[in-house]
Amino acid sequence: ALKNAFKRKKSTIIYPFEAGVKPVQGLRGAHQFYLEKCTGCTLCARACPTLCITMVPTEKTRTKKRPAINLSECILCALCVDSCRYDALVMTDYIELSAFDSKEMIIYQEEEEG
């Protein structure tokens, strides 16, 4: 054990300037939302145990609503993904969920003007 203490091998990285840990297969990260598949049925918001999904107005869905997910409150349980009948929400393997401003933690697909 003492011989390992004096090795010159670097044991840390200079994050975020060097590549960090790669996510393993099956890890739940941030959500990906597809507005073109969403119907605005609010099933995802009702399934969320932390109430981090709110429905915001839009003109692109049938019910004139779409989800906005606050990742600072989300526990990444994927119940919203399981409840979505139209595959408008999926979990990605993006795990670097940090921001300087809380407004950066709210995700939804921006609507295109025109």
C-alpha atoms as a PDB file:
ATOM      1  CA  ALA A   1       0.000   0.000   0.000  1.00  0.00           C
ATOM      2  CA  LEU A   2       2.864   2.386   0.738  1.00  0.00           C
ATOM      3  CA  LYS A   3       4.435   1.885  -2.686  1.00  0.00           C
ATOM      4  CA  ASN A   4       1.265   3.286  -4.333  1.00  0.00           C
ATOM      5  CA  ALA A   5       1.543   6.528  -2.331  1.00  0.00           C
ATOM      6  CA  PHE A   6       4.722   7.574  -4.113  1.00  0.00           C
ATOM      7  CA  LYS A   7       3.709   6.875  -7.705  1.00  0.00           C
ATOM      8  CA  ARG A   8       3.735   9.874 -10.033  1.00  0.00           C
ATOM      9  CA  LYS A   9       0.524   8.888 -11.777  1.00  0.00           C
ATOM     10  CA  LYS A  10      -2.020  11.710 -11.888  1.00  0.00           C
ATOM     11  CA  SER A  11      -5.196  10.787  -9.993  1.00  0.00           C
ATOM     12  CA  THR A  12      -7.381  13.835 -10.676  1.00  0.00           C
ATOM     13  CA  ILE A  13      -8.488  15.778 -13.731  1.00  0.00           C
ATOM     14  CA  ILE A  14      -8.870  19.490 -14.323  1.00  0.00           C
ATOM     15  CA  TYR A  15     -12.622  19.537 -14.769  1.00  0.00           C
ATOM     16  CA  PRO A  16     -14.300  20.997 -16.926  1.00  0.00           C
ATOM     17  CA  PHE A  17     -11.245  21.564 -19.124  1.00  0.00           C
ATOM     18  CA  GLU A  18     -10.418  17.858 -19.398  1.00  0.00           C
ATOM     19  CA  ALA A  19     -12.861  15.112 -20.333  1.00  0.00           C
ATOM     20  CA  GLY A  20     -14.593  13.697 -17.280  1.00  0.00           C
ATOM     21  CA  VAL A  21     -16.235  10.424 -16.481  1.00  0.00           C
ATOM     22  CA  LYS A  22     -18.225   8.837 -19.278  1.00  0.00           C
ATOM     23  CA  PRO A  23     -21.762   7.740 -18.343  1.00  0.00           C
ATOM     24  CA  VAL A  24     -22.469   4.026 -18.169  1.00  0.00           C
ATOM     25  CA  GLN A  25     -25.143   2.340 -20.264  1.00  0.00           C
ATOM     26  CA  GLY A  26     -28.617   2.760 -18.789  1.00  0.00           C
ATOM     27  CA  LEU A  27     -27.821   5.825 -16.690  1.00  0.00           C
ATOM     28  CA  ARG A  28     -30.653   8.369 -16.570  1.00  0.00           C
ATOM     29  CA  GLY A  29     -29.590  11.921 -17.359  1.00  0.00           C
ATOM     30  CA  ALA A  30     -31.380  15.005 -18.619  1.00  0.00           C
ATOM     31  CA  HIS A  31     -34.615  14.786 -20.602  1.00  0.00           C
ATOM     32  CA  GLN A  32     -34.971  15.276 -24.341  1.00  0.00           C
ATOM     33  CA  PHE A  33     -38.288  16.764 -25.425  1.00  0.00           C
ATOM     34  CA  TYR A  34     -39.777  16.518 -28.927  1.00  0.00           C
ATOM     35  CA  LEU A  35     -42.400  19.208 -29.504  1.00  0.00           C
ATOM     36  CA  GLU A  36     -43.587  17.682 -32.780  1.00  0.00           C
ATOM     37  CA  LYS A  37     -44.667  14.491 -30.959  1.00  0.00           C
ATOM     38  CA  CYS A  38     -46.283  16.247 -27.971  1.00  0.00           C
ATOM     39  CA  THR A  39     -50.059  16.575 -27.791  1.00  0.00           C
ATOM     40  CA  GLY A  40     -50.145  18.570 -24.564  1.00  0.00           C
ATOM     41  CA  CYS A  41     -52.082  15.892 -22.678  1.00  0.00           C
ATOM     42  CA  THR A  42     -50.398  16.789 -19.311  1.00  0.00           C
ATOM     43  CA  LEU A  43     -49.826  13.118 -18.379  1.00  0.00           C
ATOM     44  CA  CYS A  44     -46.136  13.817 -17.799  1.00  0.00           C
ATOM     45  CA  ALA A  45     -46.888  16.675 -15.390  1.00  0.00           C
ATOM     46  CA  ARG A  46     -49.414  14.561 -13.467  1.00  0.00           C
ATOM     47  CA  ALA A  47     -46.995  11.624 -13.182  1.00  0.00           C
ATOM     48  CA  CYS A  48     -44.148  13.725 -11.752  1.00  0.00           C
ATOM     49  CA  PRO A  49     -43.718  13.113  -7.989  1.00  0.00           C
ATOM     50  CA  THR A  50     -41.756  16.354  -7.442  1.00  0.00           C
ATOM     51  CA  LEU A  51     -44.044  18.550  -9.581  1.00  0.00           C
ATOM     52  CA  CYS A  52     -41.056  19.860 -11.542  1.00  0.00           C
ATOM     53  CA  ILE A  53     -43.003  19.757 -14.830  1.00  0.00           C
ATOM     54  CA  THR A  54     -45.264  22.692 -15.572  1.00  0.00           C
ATOM     55  CA  MET A  55     -47.373  23.134 -18.660  1.00  0.00           C
ATOM     56  CA  VAL A  56     -46.695  26.368 -20.545  1.00  0.00           C
ATOM     57  CA  PRO A  57     -48.710  27.888 -23.413  1.00  0.00           C
ATOM     58  CA  THR A  58     -47.907  27.054 -27.021  1.00  0.00           C
ATOM     59  CA  GLU A  59     -49.627  27.096 -30.378  1.00  0.00           C
ATOM     60  CA  LYS A  60     -47.932  23.898 -31.623  1.00  0.00           C
ATOM     61  CA  THR A  61     -49.923  21.244 -29.731  1.00  0.00           C
ATOM     62  CA  ARG A  62     -53.545  20.172 -29.810  1.00  0.00           C
ATOM     63  CA  THR A  63     -54.331  21.429 -26.290  1.00  0.00           C
ATOM     64  CA  LYS A  64     -52.176  24.576 -26.610  1.00  0.00           C
ATOM     65  CA  LYS A  65     -49.808  23.417 -23.806  1.00  0.00           C
ATOM     66  CA  ARG A  66     -46.326  21.909 -23.621  1.00  0.00           C
ATOM     67  CA  PRO A  67     -44.146  20.791 -20.702  1.00  0.00           C
ATOM     68  CA  ALA A  68     -41.288  22.786 -19.209  1.00  0.00           C
ATOM     69  CA  ILE A  69     -39.047  20.682 -16.960  1.00  0.00           C
ATOM     70  CA  ASN A  70     -37.137  22.260 -14.075  1.00  0.00           C
ATOM     71  CA  LEU A  71     -34.053  20.051 -13.714  1.00  0.00           C
ATOM     72  CA  SER A  72     -33.061  21.656 -10.406  1.00  0.00           C
ATOM     73  CA  GLU A  73     -36.134  19.994  -8.841  1.00  0.00           C
ATOM     74  CA  CYS A  74     -36.150  16.795 -10.910  1.00  0.00           C
ATOM     75  CA  ILE A  75     -35.051  13.499  -9.311  1.00  0.00           C
ATOM     76  CA  LEU A  76     -34.614  11.786 -12.717  1.00  0.00           C
ATOM     77  CA  CYS A  77     -37.091   9.032 -11.877  1.00  0.00           C
ATOM     78  CA  ALA A  78     -38.350   8.848 -15.498  1.00  0.00           C
ATOM     79  CA  LEU A  79     -42.009   8.472 -14.492  1.00  0.00           C
ATOM     80  CA  CYS A  80     -42.844  11.255 -16.938  1.00  0.00           C
ATOM     81  CA  VAL A  81     -41.138   9.327 -19.736  1.00  0.00           C
ATOM     82  CA  ASP A  82     -43.052   6.165 -18.839  1.00  0.00           C
ATOM     83  CA  SER A  83     -46.371   8.028 -18.810  1.00  0.00           C
ATOM     84  CA  CYS A  84     -45.901   9.703 -22.206  1.00  0.00           C
ATOM     85  CA  ARG A  85     -47.927   7.757 -24.765  1.00  0.00           C
ATOM     86  CA  TYR A  86     -46.424   9.567 -27.752  1.00  0.00           C
ATOM     87  CA  ASP A  87     -42.675   9.263 -26.949  1.00  0.00           C
ATOM     88  CA  ALA A  88     -42.318  13.047 -26.740  1.00  0.00           C
ATOM     89  CA  LEU A  89     -40.048  12.701 -23.676  1.00  0.00           C
ATOM     90  CA  VAL A  90     -36.981  10.476 -23.483  1.00  0.00           C
ATOM     91  CA  MET A  91     -34.093  10.247 -21.034  1.00  0.00           C
ATOM     92  CA  THR A  92     -30.586  10.930 -22.340  1.00  0.00           C
ATOM     93  CA  ASP A  93     -27.198  10.089 -20.847  1.00  0.00           C
ATOM     94  CA  TYR A  94     -26.230  13.762 -20.398  1.00  0.00           C
ATOM     95  CA  ILE A  95     -25.165  13.950 -16.736  1.00  0.00           C
ATOM     96  CA  GLU A  96     -23.493  17.347 -16.403  1.00  0.00           C
ATOM     97  CA  LEU A  97     -26.498  19.044 -14.841  1.00  0.00           C
ATOM     98  CA  SER A  98     -25.134  22.258 -13.368  1.00  0.00           C
ATOM     99  CA  ALA A  99     -25.639  25.933 -14.143  1.00  0.00           C
ATOM    100  CA  PHE A 100     -24.835  29.363 -12.740  1.00  0.00           C
ATOM    101  CA  ASP A 101     -28.435  30.575 -13.121  1.00  0.00           C
ATOM    102  CA  SER A 102     -31.554  28.631 -12.129  1.00  0.00           C
ATOM    103  CA  LYS A 103     -33.280  29.692 -15.364  1.00  0.00           C
ATOM    104  CA  GLU A 104     -30.728  27.604 -17.284  1.00  0.00           C
ATOM    105  CA  MET A 105     -32.031  24.486 -15.525  1.00  0.00           C
ATOM    106  CA  ILE A 106     -35.490  24.709 -17.130  1.00  0.00           C
ATOM    107  CA  ILE A 107     -35.573  22.713 -20.357  1.00  0.00           C
ATOM    108  CA  TYR A 108     -38.022  22.701 -23.196  1.00  0.00           C
ATOM    109  CA  GLN A 109     -37.717  22.914 -26.933  1.00  0.00           C
ATOM    110  CA  GLU A 110     -37.889  26.502 -28.127  1.00  0.00           C
ATOM    111  CA  GLU A 111     -40.604  27.276 -30.634  1.00  0.00           C
ATOM    112  CA  GLU A 112     -39.474  28.575 -33.992  1.00  0.00           C
ATOM    113  CA  GLU A 113     -40.791  31.982 -34.968  1.00  0.00           C
ATOM    114  CA  GLY A 114     -42.888  32.233 -38.120  1.00  0.00           C
END
